[in-house]
């Protein structure tokens, strides 16, 4: 587990649950529902939508949207779902764009935060191809300090794989982490940290930037 994230994850989930009772904004409510499941919550919902997007159009109609929310066990009534859908369906053609949905749902972050997240990503992405793999991690992440490696439970590769799984989409663990997945993960962590300064210090310490 990456330094600091497990604790931030718990804090964020608790905070999200608390804020749910206060907010009336439909997008914010959906975001908080996701964050209440931890940093990977938003990715989880998007993953459900991706499975439902049978024709790979990267769009959803209202029926698919509601079905996805239900499958992800989001207790949202039809009126609220309709309201959310309409916000995303800007041109009113009855379908919403997937990527736009994802970006809007992600907790907003300052440019300073995005930049430090990208710095960490670039450091891990040894090959520079925009995807972090086990191969990339060999040079930057020391598996030998991991307790499960030390007691012989796991090989080095298993440590790397578990590390990547932190950032990977929850139901689609392919051992590869894209920029988008990395950003989404940290957008979740970022939501529980009030100041840019503290977030940047945490990232610098965690990744030795």
Protein backbone atom coordinates (compact mmCIF):
# COMPACT_ATOMS: atom_id res chain seq x y z
CA UNK A 1 0.00 0.00 0.00
CA UNK A 2 1.26 3.41 -0.92
CA UNK A 3 2.20 5.61 2.02
CA UNK A 4 -0.71 7.55 3.42
CA UNK A 5 -3.40 6.40 1.04
CA UNK A 6 -5.18 3.81 3.17
CA UNK A 7 -5.76 6.34 5.91
CA UNK A 8 -6.82 9.06 3.49
CA UNK A 9 -9.15 6.62 1.85
CA UNK A 10 -10.91 5.90 5.13
CA UNK A 11 -11.11 9.58 6.03
CA UNK A 12 -12.49 10.42 2.63
CA UNK A 13 -15.15 7.70 2.74
CA UNK A 14 -16.30 8.88 6.17
CA UNK A 15 -16.32 12.50 5.04
CA UNK A 16 -18.28 11.62 1.89
CA UNK A 17 -20.94 9.78 3.90
CA UNK A 18 -21.23 12.77 6.21
CA UNK A 19 -21.56 15.27 3.36
CA UNK A 20 -24.23 13.21 1.60
CA UNK A 21 -26.82 14.30 4.12
CA UNK A 22 -25.96 17.97 3.52
CA UNK A 23 -25.84 18.36 -0.23
CA UNK A 24 -28.74 18.74 -2.63
CA UNK A 25 -26.70 19.07 -5.83
CA UNK A 26 -27.42 15.88 -7.83
CA UNK A 27 -23.92 15.57 -9.35
CA UNK A 28 -22.27 16.16 -6.00
CA UNK A 29 -24.53 13.52 -4.46
CA UNK A 30 -23.56 10.95 -7.07
CA UNK A 31 -19.90 11.84 -6.60
CA UNK A 32 -20.21 11.43 -2.83
CA UNK A 33 -21.99 8.08 -3.24
CA UNK A 34 -18.97 6.92 -5.22
CA UNK A 35 -16.38 8.41 -2.89
CA UNK A 36 -18.06 6.78 0.08
CA UNK A 37 -16.62 3.57 -1.42
CA UNK A 38 -13.08 4.90 -1.38
CA UNK A 39 -10.76 6.37 -4.00
CA UNK A 40 -11.63 3.76 -6.59
CA UNK A 41 -15.38 4.36 -6.27
CA UNK A 42 -15.77 6.57 -9.33
CA UNK A 43 -13.75 4.15 -11.44
CA UNK A 44 -16.00 1.35 -10.22
CA UNK A 45 -19.12 3.08 -11.48
CA UNK A 46 -17.50 3.84 -14.82
CA UNK A 47 -16.46 0.24 -15.13
CA UNK A 48 -20.11 -0.86 -14.68
CA UNK A 49 -21.12 1.55 -17.45
CA UNK A 50 -18.35 0.26 -19.68
CA UNK A 51 -19.64 -3.31 -19.35
CA UNK A 52 -23.12 -2.14 -20.25
CA UNK A 53 -21.94 -0.25 -23.31
CA UNK A 54 -22.52 -3.26 -25.52
CA UNK A 55 -21.91 -1.58 -28.84
CA UNK A 56 -18.75 0.20 -27.64
CA UNK A 57 -20.24 3.55 -28.58
CA UNK A 58 -18.86 5.08 -25.37
CA UNK A 59 -22.32 6.55 -24.81
CA UNK A 60 -25.27 5.60 -22.63
CA UNK A 61 -28.96 6.17 -22.94
CA UNK A 62 -31.17 6.80 -19.91
CA UNK A 63 -32.22 3.18 -19.53
CA UNK A 64 -28.60 1.99 -19.49
CA UNK A 65 -27.69 4.80 -17.13
CA UNK A 66 -30.34 3.80 -14.58
CA UNK A 67 -29.47 0.13 -14.95
CA UNK A 68 -25.81 0.93 -14.30
CA UNK A 69 -26.64 2.91 -11.16
CA UNK A 70 -28.76 0.02 -9.91
CA UNK A 71 -26.09 -2.55 -10.62
CA UNK A 72 -23.61 -0.46 -8.69
CA UNK A 73 -26.17 -0.39 -5.88
CA UNK A 74 -26.62 3.35 -6.02
CA UNK A 75 -29.83 4.11 -4.22
CA UNK A 76 -30.97 7.00 -6.36
CA UNK A 77 -34.60 7.57 -7.22
CA UNK A 78 -35.73 7.98 -10.79
CA UNK A 79 -36.29 11.74 -10.57
CA UNK A 80 -32.77 12.31 -9.30
CA UNK A 81 -31.32 10.01 -11.96
CA UNK A 82 -33.27 11.95 -14.58
CA UNK A 83 -31.89 15.23 -13.25
CA UNK A 84 -28.31 13.93 -13.37
CA UNK A 85 -28.80 12.51 -16.84
CA UNK A 86 -30.14 15.80 -18.15
CA UNK A 87 -27.12 17.71 -16.84
CA UNK A 88 -24.85 15.45 -18.88
CA UNK A 89 -27.08 15.26 -21.93
CA UNK A 90 -26.18 18.77 -23.01
CA UNK A 91 -27.66 18.65 -26.49
CA UNK A 92 -30.79 16.81 -25.35
CA UNK A 93 -30.43 13.89 -27.76
CA UNK A 94 -31.10 11.29 -25.06
CA UNK A 95 -27.57 9.94 -24.74
CA UNK A 96 -24.60 10.94 -22.65
CA UNK A 97 -20.93 10.77 -23.44
CA UNK A 98 -18.94 8.49 -21.26
CA UNK A 99 -15.68 10.39 -20.98
CA UNK A 100 -17.45 13.66 -20.29
CA UNK A 101 -19.40 11.95 -17.53
CA UNK A 102 -16.21 10.64 -15.98
CA UNK A 103 -14.42 13.97 -16.05
CA UNK A 104 -17.40 15.83 -14.56
CA UNK A 105 -17.87 13.27 -11.83
CA UNK A 106 -14.23 13.32 -10.81
CA UNK A 107 -13.68 15.69 -7.87
CA UNK A 108 -12.25 18.93 -9.25
CA UNK A 109 -8.52 19.46 -8.67
CA UNK A 110 -6.26 22.47 -9.03
CA UNK A 111 -3.61 22.50 -11.73
CA UNK A 112 -0.92 22.30 -9.05
CA UNK A 113 -2.37 18.96 -7.89
CA UNK A 114 -2.73 17.62 -11.42
CA UNK A 115 0.85 18.52 -12.16
CA UNK A 116 2.28 16.69 -9.13
CA UNK A 117 0.14 13.63 -9.92
CA UNK A 118 1.54 13.63 -13.46
CA UNK A 119 5.07 13.94 -12.08
CA UNK A 120 4.52 10.82 -10.03
CA UNK A 121 3.02 9.05 -13.03
CA UNK A 122 5.97 9.95 -15.26
CA UNK A 123 8.39 8.72 -12.63
CA UNK A 124 6.67 5.33 -12.51
CA UNK A 125 6.15 5.09 -16.25
CA UNK A 126 9.76 4.16 -16.96
CA UNK A 127 9.13 3.31 -20.62
CA UNK A 128 7.24 6.56 -21.19
CA UNK A 129 4.39 4.94 -23.13
CA UNK A 130 1.60 6.36 -20.95
CA UNK A 131 0.87 3.07 -19.16
CA UNK A 132 2.44 1.78 -15.92
CA UNK A 133 3.20 -1.95 -15.99
CA UNK A 134 5.08 -4.42 -13.79
CA UNK A 135 8.10 -3.92 -16.04
CA UNK A 136 8.05 -0.17 -15.35
CA UNK A 137 7.91 -0.73 -11.62
CA UNK A 138 11.02 -2.88 -11.45
CA UNK A 139 13.27 0.14 -11.69
CA UNK A 140 11.42 2.47 -9.33
CA UNK A 141 9.55 0.59 -6.68
CA UNK A 142 11.38 -1.63 -4.24
CA UNK A 143 9.39 -4.77 -3.52
CA UNK A 144 11.90 -6.09 -1.01
CA UNK A 145 10.53 -3.93 1.82
CA UNK A 146 7.07 -5.40 1.46
CA UNK A 147 6.13 -7.58 4.46
CA UNK A 148 4.64 -10.31 2.26
CA UNK A 149 7.84 -10.46 0.22
CA UNK A 150 9.92 -10.60 3.37
CA UNK A 151 8.01 -13.51 4.86
CA UNK A 152 8.06 -15.41 1.56
CA UNK A 153 4.32 -15.26 0.80
CA UNK A 154 4.73 -13.26 -2.38
CA UNK A 155 7.22 -13.00 -5.22
CA UNK A 156 8.49 -9.63 -6.37
CA UNK A 157 6.01 -9.70 -9.26
CA UNK A 158 3.09 -10.36 -6.91
CA UNK A 159 4.08 -7.33 -4.85
CA UNK A 160 4.17 -5.21 -8.01
CA UNK A 161 0.84 -6.57 -9.15
CA UNK A 162 -0.84 -5.80 -5.81
CA UNK A 163 0.63 -2.31 -5.98
CA UNK A 164 -0.81 -1.72 -9.47
CA UNK A 165 -4.18 -3.13 -8.37
CA UNK A 166 -4.50 -0.15 -5.99
CA UNK A 167 -4.87 2.15 -8.96
CA UNK A 168 -6.47 -0.19 -11.43
CA UNK A 169 -10.20 -0.13 -12.15
CA UNK A 170 -11.73 -2.37 -9.47
CA UNK A 171 -13.44 -4.86 -11.79
CA UNK A 172 -10.96 -4.72 -14.57
CA UNK A 173 -7.60 -5.43 -13.03
CA UNK A 174 -5.37 -5.93 -16.02
CA UNK A 175 -2.06 -5.11 -14.36
CA UNK A 176 -1.78 -1.91 -16.37
CA UNK A 177 -2.47 1.56 -15.05
CA UNK A 178 -3.29 4.36 -17.48
CA UNK A 179 -2.93 8.09 -16.88
CA UNK A 180 -6.70 8.30 -16.54
CA UNK A 181 -6.84 5.57 -13.89
CA UNK A 182 -3.98 7.17 -11.97
CA UNK A 183 -5.68 10.58 -12.12
CA UNK A 184 -9.03 9.16 -11.05
CA UNK A 185 -7.45 7.41 -8.10
CA UNK A 186 -5.74 10.57 -6.90
CA UNK A 187 -8.82 12.69 -7.52
CA UNK A 188 -10.41 10.50 -4.87
CA UNK A 189 -7.50 10.88 -2.46
CA UNK A 190 -7.35 14.60 -3.21
CA UNK A 191 -10.99 15.03 -2.19
CA UNK A 192 -10.07 14.35 1.44
CA UNK A 193 -7.14 16.78 1.55
CA UNK A 194 -8.00 20.42 2.03
CA UNK A 195 -4.89 22.30 0.95
CA UNK A 196 -2.76 22.04 -2.16
CA UNK A 197 0.36 22.45 -0.06
CA UNK A 198 -0.41 19.41 2.05
CA UNK A 199 -1.40 17.33 -0.97
CA UNK A 200 1.84 18.22 -2.76
CA UNK A 201 3.95 17.41 0.30
CA UNK A 202 2.19 14.06 0.66
CA UNK A 203 2.85 13.22 -3.00
CA UNK A 204 6.48 14.32 -2.83
CA UNK A 205 7.11 12.18 0.22
CA UNK A 206 5.24 9.21 -1.12
CA UNK A 207 7.01 9.19 -4.48
CA UNK A 208 10.30 10.87 -3.51
CA UNK A 209 9.74 13.58 -6.13
